[in-house]
Amino acid sequence: MLIYHGSDVAVPEPRILTSNRLLDFGTGFYTTSSLEQAKRWSLRVCERRNSNVMQISFYEFNLEDAESKLKVKHFNSPDPEWLNFVTLCRSGKETGHDYDIVIGPVANDNVYTTVQLYETGILSEAETIVRLKVEKTFDQILFHTEESLMYCIYLRSEKSGGLDG
């Protein structure tokens, strides 16, 4: 399976990085099977870093092989289990998850707003799930452990415009 990572630099050697931002599935190396989503991530990185070079790194990922040797968690849709997992990760609370790889929907801007409304108690779990199911979601694949990165094989990187292009 071909997967992508969007940034403002090529990433031939992925690493597990701790971020000061609270992310959907916690710390690690984030990829997606959607080139469109990788480009969105790359643009965001460029905006955050005031960079003019969008870079998309391409990787080969053998999911079946990884599943046979590692602990992989799949969220097939934005369901209550996914919502609670993302809410814990984004709140900074310890999730206690020991998955090597986590795969599931991205909480994009619209999804993230809905999750925030849920976190603050404005929306119930049921209302939140209904709203999430109408949003277009992309997947994300988090490599959470060093061992998992062995299954993320770098192929190449391509420049893809930037803030000026």
N, C-alpha and C. Protein backbone atom coordinates (compact mmCIF):
# COMPACT_ATOMS: atom_id res chain seq x y z
N MET A 1 0.85 -1.17 0.00
CA MET A 1 0.00 0.00 0.00
C MET A 1 0.89 1.23 0.00
N LEU A 2 0.55 2.22 -0.82
CA LEU A 2 1.28 3.47 -0.90
C LEU A 2 0.70 4.44 0.12
N ILE A 3 1.58 5.03 0.94
CA ILE A 3 1.15 6.03 1.92
C ILE A 3 2.02 7.27 1.78
N TYR A 4 1.56 8.38 2.36
CA TYR A 4 2.21 9.68 2.16
C TYR A 4 2.36 10.41 3.48
N HIS A 5 3.37 11.30 3.50
CA HIS A 5 3.57 12.20 4.64
C HIS A 5 3.79 13.60 4.07
N GLY A 6 3.01 14.56 4.53
CA GLY A 6 3.12 15.94 4.06
C GLY A 6 3.90 16.79 5.03
N SER A 7 4.88 17.54 4.51
CA SER A 7 5.70 18.42 5.34
C SER A 7 6.27 19.52 4.45
N ASP A 8 7.28 20.24 4.95
CA ASP A 8 7.99 21.20 4.12
C ASP A 8 9.41 20.71 3.83
N VAL A 9 9.69 19.48 4.25
CA VAL A 9 10.98 18.82 3.98
C VAL A 9 10.71 17.37 3.60
N ALA A 10 11.65 16.79 2.86
CA ALA A 10 11.58 15.36 2.58
C ALA A 10 11.90 14.61 3.87
N VAL A 11 11.25 13.46 4.06
CA VAL A 11 11.46 12.68 5.28
C VAL A 11 11.86 11.25 4.90
N PRO A 12 13.13 11.06 4.50
CA PRO A 12 13.58 9.73 4.11
C PRO A 12 13.75 8.78 5.29
N GLU A 13 13.94 9.32 6.48
CA GLU A 13 14.11 8.50 7.68
C GLU A 13 13.10 8.95 8.73
N PRO A 14 11.89 8.41 8.69
CA PRO A 14 10.86 8.80 9.66
C PRO A 14 11.31 8.53 11.09
N ARG A 15 10.88 9.40 11.98
CA ARG A 15 11.18 9.25 13.40
C ARG A 15 9.93 9.48 14.22
N ILE A 16 9.95 8.92 15.42
CA ILE A 16 8.87 9.16 16.38
C ILE A 16 9.20 10.47 17.08
N LEU A 17 8.39 11.49 16.85
CA LEU A 17 8.64 12.79 17.45
C LEU A 17 7.53 13.12 18.45
N THR A 18 7.94 13.71 19.53
CA THR A 18 6.96 14.22 20.49
C THR A 18 6.63 15.64 20.08
N SER A 19 5.37 15.93 19.97
CA SER A 19 4.92 17.24 19.52
C SER A 19 4.38 18.04 20.70
N ASN A 20 4.49 19.36 20.60
CA ASN A 20 3.86 20.18 21.62
C ASN A 20 2.39 20.39 21.31
N ARG A 21 1.96 19.90 20.12
CA ARG A 21 0.54 19.95 19.76
C ARG A 21 -0.10 18.62 20.14
N LEU A 22 -1.34 18.70 20.54
CA LEU A 22 -2.08 17.48 20.90
C LEU A 22 -2.75 16.94 19.64
N LEU A 23 -2.36 15.74 19.24
CA LEU A 23 -2.79 15.16 17.98
C LEU A 23 -3.79 14.03 18.19
N ASP A 24 -4.49 13.66 17.11
CA ASP A 24 -5.58 12.69 17.17
C ASP A 24 -5.22 11.39 17.87
N PHE A 25 -4.08 10.81 17.52
CA PHE A 25 -3.72 9.49 18.04
C PHE A 25 -2.49 9.52 18.93
N GLY A 26 -2.06 10.70 19.35
CA GLY A 26 -0.89 10.81 20.21
C GLY A 26 0.38 11.06 19.41
N THR A 27 1.51 10.75 20.02
CA THR A 27 2.79 11.03 19.40
C THR A 27 3.18 9.94 18.41
N GLY A 28 4.00 10.33 17.45
CA GLY A 28 4.49 9.36 16.49
C GLY A 28 4.72 10.00 15.14
N PHE A 29 4.72 9.18 14.11
CA PHE A 29 4.91 9.62 12.73
C PHE A 29 3.61 9.39 11.98
N TYR A 30 3.00 10.48 11.49
CA TYR A 30 1.70 10.42 10.84
C TYR A 30 1.82 10.33 9.32
N THR A 31 1.05 9.43 8.75
CA THR A 31 0.95 9.27 7.30
C THR A 31 -0.52 9.10 6.94
N THR A 32 -0.79 9.04 5.64
CA THR A 32 -2.14 8.84 5.15
C THR A 32 -2.08 8.10 3.81
N SER A 33 -3.15 7.42 3.47
CA SER A 33 -3.21 6.79 2.15
C SER A 33 -3.78 7.75 1.11
N SER A 34 -4.09 8.97 1.51
CA SER A 34 -4.66 9.98 0.62
C SER A 34 -3.62 11.04 0.26
N LEU A 35 -3.28 11.12 -1.02
CA LEU A 35 -2.36 12.16 -1.47
C LEU A 35 -2.96 13.54 -1.21
N GLU A 36 -4.26 13.68 -1.39
CA GLU A 36 -4.94 14.95 -1.12
C GLU A 36 -4.75 15.37 0.34
N GLN A 37 -4.91 14.43 1.26
CA GLN A 37 -4.74 14.74 2.68
C GLN A 37 -3.29 15.10 2.97
N ALA A 38 -2.33 14.39 2.39
CA ALA A 38 -0.91 14.69 2.61
C ALA A 38 -0.59 16.11 2.14
N LYS A 39 -1.19 16.52 1.04
CA LYS A 39 -0.97 17.89 0.55
C LYS A 39 -1.55 18.91 1.52
N ARG A 40 -2.69 18.61 2.11
CA ARG A 40 -3.27 19.51 3.12
C ARG A 40 -2.34 19.64 4.32
N TRP A 41 -1.83 18.49 4.78
CA TRP A 41 -0.91 18.52 5.92
C TRP A 41 0.34 19.33 5.57
N SER A 42 0.86 19.13 4.36
CA SER A 42 2.04 19.85 3.93
C SER A 42 1.80 21.36 3.93
N LEU A 43 0.66 21.78 3.41
CA LEU A 43 0.32 23.20 3.39
C LEU A 43 0.25 23.77 4.81
N ARG A 44 -0.33 23.01 5.72
CA ARG A 44 -0.41 23.47 7.12
C ARG A 44 0.98 23.65 7.73
N VAL A 45 1.87 22.70 7.45
CA VAL A 45 3.24 22.79 7.96
C VAL A 45 3.91 24.04 7.38
N CYS A 46 3.72 24.27 6.09
CA CYS A 46 4.29 25.45 5.45
C CYS A 46 3.78 26.73 6.10
N GLU A 47 2.49 26.78 6.37
CA GLU A 47 1.90 27.96 7.01
C GLU A 47 2.47 28.15 8.42
N ARG A 48 2.59 27.06 9.16
CA ARG A 48 3.10 27.13 10.54
C ARG A 48 4.56 27.55 10.57
N ARG A 49 5.34 27.08 9.60
CA ARG A 49 6.79 27.34 9.58
C ARG A 49 7.18 28.48 8.63
N ASN A 50 6.18 29.11 8.01
CA ASN A 50 6.42 30.16 7.03
C ASN A 50 7.40 29.69 5.96
N SER A 51 7.13 28.53 5.43
CA SER A 51 7.97 27.89 4.42
C SER A 51 7.28 27.99 3.06
N ASN A 52 8.08 27.99 2.02
CA ASN A 52 7.52 28.07 0.68
C ASN A 52 7.63 26.76 -0.10
N VAL A 53 8.02 25.68 0.56
CA VAL A 53 8.21 24.42 -0.16
C VAL A 53 7.37 23.32 0.48
N MET A 54 6.37 22.87 -0.25
CA MET A 54 5.60 21.71 0.19
C MET A 54 6.31 20.46 -0.30
N GLN A 55 6.47 19.48 0.58
CA GLN A 55 7.11 18.22 0.22
C GLN A 55 6.19 17.07 0.60
N ILE A 56 6.01 16.16 -0.32
CA ILE A 56 5.25 14.95 -0.05
C ILE A 56 6.22 13.78 -0.12
N SER A 57 6.34 13.05 0.98
CA SER A 57 7.18 11.85 0.99
C SER A 57 6.28 10.64 0.76
N PHE A 58 6.76 9.72 -0.06
CA PHE A 58 6.03 8.51 -0.44
C PHE A 58 6.67 7.31 0.24
N TYR A 59 5.84 6.41 0.75
CA TYR A 59 6.32 5.22 1.44
C TYR A 59 5.52 3.99 1.00
N GLU A 60 6.15 2.85 1.12
CA GLU A 60 5.45 1.57 0.94
C GLU A 60 5.16 1.05 2.35
N PHE A 61 3.93 0.58 2.54
CA PHE A 61 3.51 0.05 3.84
C PHE A 61 2.81 -1.28 3.62
N ASN A 62 3.38 -2.33 4.17
CA ASN A 62 2.78 -3.66 4.07
C ASN A 62 1.95 -3.89 5.34
N LEU A 63 0.68 -3.55 5.25
CA LEU A 63 -0.21 -3.63 6.41
C LEU A 63 -0.35 -5.06 6.91
N GLU A 64 -0.52 -5.99 6.00
CA GLU A 64 -0.70 -7.39 6.42
C GLU A 64 0.51 -7.89 7.21
N ASP A 65 1.69 -7.57 6.75
CA ASP A 65 2.91 -7.98 7.45
C ASP A 65 2.97 -7.31 8.83
N ALA A 66 2.67 -6.02 8.88
CA ALA A 66 2.68 -5.30 10.16
C ALA A 66 1.67 -5.91 11.13
N GLU A 67 0.48 -6.21 10.63
CA GLU A 67 -0.56 -6.78 11.51
C GLU A 67 -0.16 -8.14 12.06
N SER A 68 0.65 -8.87 11.32
CA SER A 68 1.04 -10.20 11.77
C SER A 68 2.10 -10.15 12.86
N LYS A 69 2.76 -8.99 13.02
CA LYS A 69 3.87 -8.90 13.96
C LYS A 69 3.72 -7.82 15.02
N LEU A 70 2.84 -6.88 14.80
CA LEU A 70 2.70 -5.74 15.70
C LEU A 70 1.27 -5.61 16.22
N LYS A 71 1.11 -4.74 17.19
CA LYS A 71 -0.21 -4.43 17.73
C LYS A 71 -0.77 -3.23 16.94
N VAL A 72 -1.79 -3.50 16.11
CA VAL A 72 -2.36 -2.49 15.23
C VAL A 72 -3.81 -2.25 15.62
N LYS A 73 -4.18 -0.99 15.78
CA LYS A 73 -5.55 -0.62 16.12
C LYS A 73 -6.18 0.07 14.91
N HIS A 74 -7.34 -0.46 14.47
CA HIS A 74 -8.10 0.12 13.36
C HIS A 74 -9.37 0.77 13.89
N PHE A 75 -9.61 1.99 13.47
CA PHE A 75 -10.91 2.63 13.64
C PHE A 75 -11.47 2.78 12.24
N ASN A 76 -12.54 2.06 11.93
CA ASN A 76 -13.08 2.06 10.57
C ASN A 76 -13.92 3.28 10.26
N SER A 77 -14.43 3.94 11.29
CA SER A 77 -15.25 5.12 11.08
C SER A 77 -15.20 5.96 12.35
N PRO A 78 -15.67 7.20 12.27
CA PRO A 78 -15.72 8.02 13.48
C PRO A 78 -16.88 7.57 14.37
N ASP A 79 -16.63 6.51 15.13
CA ASP A 79 -17.64 5.93 16.01
C ASP A 79 -17.33 6.32 17.46
N PRO A 80 -18.15 5.89 18.42
CA PRO A 80 -17.90 6.29 19.81
C PRO A 80 -16.51 5.90 20.33
N GLU A 81 -16.01 4.72 19.96
CA GLU A 81 -14.69 4.31 20.42
C GLU A 81 -13.61 5.25 19.87
N TRP A 82 -13.70 5.58 18.58
CA TRP A 82 -12.77 6.53 17.96
C TRP A 82 -12.86 7.89 18.64
N LEU A 83 -14.10 8.37 18.85
CA LEU A 83 -14.31 9.68 19.46
C LEU A 83 -13.66 9.75 20.83
N ASN A 84 -13.85 8.73 21.65
CA ASN A 84 -13.26 8.74 22.99
C ASN A 84 -11.74 8.66 22.94
N PHE A 85 -11.20 7.89 22.01
CA PHE A 85 -9.76 7.77 21.85
C PHE A 85 -9.16 9.12 21.45
N VAL A 86 -9.72 9.76 20.41
CA VAL A 86 -9.23 11.06 19.94
C VAL A 86 -9.38 12.11 21.03
N THR A 87 -10.50 12.10 21.73
CA THR A 87 -10.72 13.07 22.79
C THR A 87 -9.66 12.95 23.87
N LEU A 88 -9.34 11.73 24.28
CA LEU A 88 -8.28 11.52 25.27
C LEU A 88 -6.93 12.01 24.76
N CYS A 89 -6.59 11.64 23.54
CA CYS A 89 -5.30 12.05 22.98
C CYS A 89 -5.20 13.57 22.85
N ARG A 90 -6.26 14.20 22.37
CA ARG A 90 -6.24 15.65 22.16
C ARG A 90 -6.36 16.44 23.46
N SER A 91 -6.80 15.80 24.53
CA SER A 91 -6.90 16.50 25.81
C SER A 91 -5.58 16.48 26.56
N GLY A 92 -4.65 15.66 26.09
CA GLY A 92 -3.36 15.55 26.76
C GLY A 92 -3.37 14.55 27.90
N LYS A 93 -4.50 13.90 28.10
CA LYS A 93 -4.59 12.88 29.14
C LYS A 93 -3.92 11.61 28.64
N GLU A 94 -3.37 10.85 29.53
CA GLU A 94 -2.71 9.60 29.17
C GLU A 94 -3.76 8.60 28.67
N THR A 95 -3.57 8.14 27.45
CA THR A 95 -4.52 7.17 26.91
C THR A 95 -4.16 5.76 27.35
N GLY A 96 -2.88 5.56 27.67
CA GLY A 96 -2.45 4.22 28.06
C GLY A 96 -2.39 3.27 26.88
N HIS A 97 -2.51 3.79 25.66
CA HIS A 97 -2.51 2.88 24.52
C HIS A 97 -1.10 2.40 24.24
N ASP A 98 -1.02 1.13 23.92
CA ASP A 98 0.28 0.52 23.63
C ASP A 98 0.30 -0.04 22.21
N TYR A 99 -0.46 0.58 21.33
CA TYR A 99 -0.48 0.14 19.94
C TYR A 99 0.79 0.59 19.24
N ASP A 100 1.28 -0.23 18.36
CA ASP A 100 2.42 0.14 17.52
C ASP A 100 1.97 1.05 16.39
N ILE A 101 0.79 0.75 15.85
CA ILE A 101 0.23 1.50 14.73
C ILE A 101 -1.25 1.74 15.01
N VAL A 102 -1.71 2.96 14.74
CA VAL A 102 -3.13 3.28 14.87
C VAL A 102 -3.60 3.83 13.52
N ILE A 103 -4.71 3.28 13.02
CA ILE A 103 -5.26 3.67 11.72
C ILE A 103 -6.71 4.10 11.92
N GLY A 104 -7.06 5.23 11.37
CA GLY A 104 -8.45 5.67 11.48
C GLY A 104 -8.67 7.03 10.86
N PRO A 105 -9.90 7.55 10.97
CA PRO A 105 -10.24 8.83 10.38
C PRO A 105 -9.45 9.99 10.98
N VAL A 106 -9.21 11.00 10.15
CA VAL A 106 -8.58 12.24 10.57
C VAL A 106 -9.66 13.16 11.11
N ALA A 107 -9.38 13.81 12.22
CA ALA A 107 -10.29 14.84 12.71
C ALA A 107 -9.89 16.14 12.01
N ASN A 108 -10.46 16.37 10.79
CA ASN A 108 -10.12 17.59 10.06
C ASN A 108 -10.76 18.80 10.75
N ASP A 109 -10.68 19.98 10.13
CA ASP A 109 -11.17 21.19 10.80
C ASP A 109 -12.62 21.07 11.25
N ASN A 110 -13.50 20.60 10.36
CA ASN A 110 -14.91 20.47 10.73
C ASN A 110 -15.09 19.39 11.80
N VAL A 111 -14.40 18.30 11.62
CA VAL A 111 -14.48 17.21 12.59
C VAL A 111 -13.93 17.68 13.93
N TYR A 112 -12.81 18.41 13.91
CA TYR A 112 -12.20 18.86 15.15
C TYR A 112 -13.14 19.80 15.90
N THR A 113 -13.83 20.70 15.18
CA THR A 113 -14.79 21.59 15.84
C THR A 113 -15.88 20.78 16.52
N THR A 114 -16.37 19.75 15.84
CA THR A 114 -17.40 18.89 16.42
C THR A 114 -16.87 18.19 17.67
N VAL A 115 -15.62 17.70 17.60
CA VAL A 115 -15.02 17.04 18.76
C VAL A 115 -14.88 18.02 19.92
N GLN A 116 -14.51 19.27 19.62
CA GLN A 116 -14.40 20.28 20.68
C GLN A 116 -15.76 20.53 21.34
N LEU A 117 -16.81 20.58 20.54
CA LEU A 117 -18.16 20.77 21.11
C LEU A 117 -18.52 19.59 22.01
N TYR A 118 -18.10 18.41 21.63
CA TYR A 118 -18.33 17.22 22.47
C TYR A 118 -17.52 17.31 23.75
N GLU A 119 -16.25 17.69 23.64
CA GLU A 119 -15.36 17.78 24.81
C GLU A 119 -15.89 18.76 25.84
N THR A 120 -16.49 19.85 25.37
CA THR A 120 -16.99 20.86 26.30
C THR A 120 -18.40 20.56 26.81
N GLY A 121 -18.98 19.47 26.34
CA GLY A 121 -20.29 19.07 26.82
C GLY A 121 -21.46 19.68 26.08
N ILE A 122 -21.18 20.45 25.03
CA ILE A 122 -22.26 21.07 24.26
C ILE A 122 -23.02 20.03 23.46
N LEU A 123 -22.28 19.05 22.90
CA LEU A 123 -22.91 17.96 22.16
C LEU A 123 -22.81 16.67 22.95
N SER A 124 -23.84 15.86 22.86
CA SER A 124 -23.78 14.52 23.45
C SER A 124 -22.97 13.62 22.53
N GLU A 125 -22.63 12.45 23.03
CA GLU A 125 -21.90 11.49 22.20
C GLU A 125 -22.71 11.14 20.95
N ALA A 126 -24.00 10.89 21.13
CA ALA A 126 -24.85 10.51 20.00
C ALA A 126 -24.93 11.64 18.96
N GLU A 127 -25.11 12.90 19.41
CA GLU A 127 -25.16 14.03 18.48
C GLU A 127 -23.83 14.19 17.75
N THR A 128 -22.76 13.99 18.47
CA THR A 128 -21.43 14.13 17.88
C THR A 128 -21.22 13.10 16.78
N ILE A 129 -21.58 11.86 17.05
CA ILE A 129 -21.41 10.79 16.06
C ILE A 129 -22.24 11.08 14.81
N VAL A 130 -23.47 11.54 14.99
CA VAL A 130 -24.32 11.88 13.84
C VAL A 130 -23.64 12.95 12.99
N ARG A 131 -23.12 14.00 13.62
CA ARG A 131 -22.44 15.07 12.88
C ARG A 131 -21.19 14.57 12.18
N LEU A 132 -20.45 13.69 12.85
CA LEU A 132 -19.20 13.19 12.28
C LEU A 132 -19.44 12.33 11.05
N LYS A 133 -20.53 11.62 11.04
CA LYS A 133 -20.79 10.70 9.93
C LYS A 133 -21.11 11.41 8.63
N VAL A 134 -21.47 12.70 8.67
CA VAL A 134 -21.76 13.42 7.44
C VAL A 134 -20.53 14.15 6.90
N GLU A 135 -19.46 14.19 7.65
CA GLU A 135 -18.24 14.85 7.20
C GLU A 135 -17.43 13.91 6.31
N LYS A 136 -16.77 14.48 5.32
CA LYS A 136 -15.83 13.70 4.51
C LYS A 136 -14.58 13.48 5.36
N THR A 137 -14.22 12.23 5.57
CA THR A 137 -13.04 11.95 6.38
C THR A 137 -11.96 11.27 5.55
N PHE A 138 -10.74 11.58 5.88
CA PHE A 138 -9.58 10.92 5.30
C PHE A 138 -9.00 10.04 6.38
N ASP A 139 -8.16 9.10 5.97
CA ASP A 139 -7.54 8.24 6.98
C ASP A 139 -6.18 8.82 7.40
N GLN A 140 -5.74 8.35 8.54
CA GLN A 140 -4.39 8.64 8.99
C GLN A 140 -3.83 7.35 9.57
N ILE A 141 -2.55 7.19 9.38
CA ILE A 141 -1.85 6.00 9.87
C ILE A 141 -0.72 6.50 10.75
N LEU A 142 -0.83 6.24 12.03
CA LEU A 142 0.18 6.68 12.99
C LEU A 142 1.13 5.53 13.29
N PHE A 143 2.41 5.78 13.08
CA PHE A 143 3.44 4.84 13.51
C PHE A 143 3.88 5.34 14.88
N HIS A 144 3.55 4.58 15.89
CA HIS A 144 3.69 5.04 17.28
C HIS A 144 4.97 4.55 17.95
N THR A 145 5.58 3.49 17.43
CA THR A 145 6.78 2.93 18.06
C THR A 145 7.91 2.83 17.04
N GLU A 146 9.12 2.78 17.56
CA GLU A 146 10.29 2.62 16.68
C GLU A 146 10.16 1.35 15.85
N GLU A 147 9.71 0.28 16.47
CA GLU A 147 9.55 -0.99 15.74
C GLU A 147 8.60 -0.84 14.55
N SER A 148 7.55 -0.05 14.73
CA SER A 148 6.57 0.11 13.65
C SER A 148 7.17 0.81 12.43
N LEU A 149 8.15 1.67 12.64
CA LEU A 149 8.75 2.41 11.52
C LEU A 149 9.46 1.49 10.53
N MET A 150 9.78 0.28 10.93
CA MET A 150 10.40 -0.67 10.01
C MET A 150 9.44 -1.03 8.86
N TYR A 151 8.15 -0.77 9.04
CA TYR A 151 7.14 -1.11 8.04
C TYR A 151 6.77 0.10 7.18
N CYS A 152 7.44 1.21 7.39
CA CYS A 152 7.21 2.44 6.63
C CYS A 152 8.46 2.67 5.78
N ILE A 153 8.45 2.14 4.56
CA ILE A 153 9.63 2.09 3.69
C ILE A 153 9.61 3.29 2.74
N TYR A 154 10.60 4.16 2.88
CA TYR A 154 10.71 5.37 2.06
C TYR A 154 10.95 5.02 0.60
N LEU A 155 10.20 5.68 -0.29
CA LEU A 155 10.36 5.50 -1.73
C LEU A 155 10.97 6.74 -2.38
N ARG A 156 10.35 7.91 -2.12
CA ARG A 156 10.81 9.15 -2.73
C ARG A 156 10.04 10.33 -2.13
N SER A 157 10.45 11.53 -2.47
CA SER A 157 9.74 12.75 -2.09
C SER A 157 9.56 13.62 -3.32
N GLU A 158 8.50 14.40 -3.32
CA GLU A 158 8.22 15.32 -4.43
C GLU A 158 7.84 16.67 -3.86
N LYS A 159 8.34 17.72 -4.51
CA LYS A 159 7.90 19.07 -4.16
C LYS A 159 6.52 19.26 -4.74
N SER A 160 5.70 20.02 -4.01
CA SER A 160 4.31 20.20 -4.44
C SER A 160 3.87 21.63 -4.18
N GLY A 161 4.56 22.60 -4.78
CA GLY A 161 4.15 23.98 -4.60
C GLY A 161 4.60 24.54 -3.28
N GLY A 162 3.77 25.33 -2.65
CA GLY A 162 4.08 25.99 -1.38
C GLY A 162 3.13 27.13 -1.18
N LEU A 163 3.46 28.03 -0.29
CA LEU A 163 2.57 29.15 -0.01
C LEU A 163 2.44 30.09 -1.21
N ASP A 164 3.47 30.13 -2.02
CA ASP A 164 3.44 30.99 -3.20
C ASP A 164 3.00 30.25 -4.46
N GLY A 165 2.89 28.92 -4.39
CA GLY A 165 2.56 28.19 -5.61
C GLY A 165 1.72 27.04 -5.30
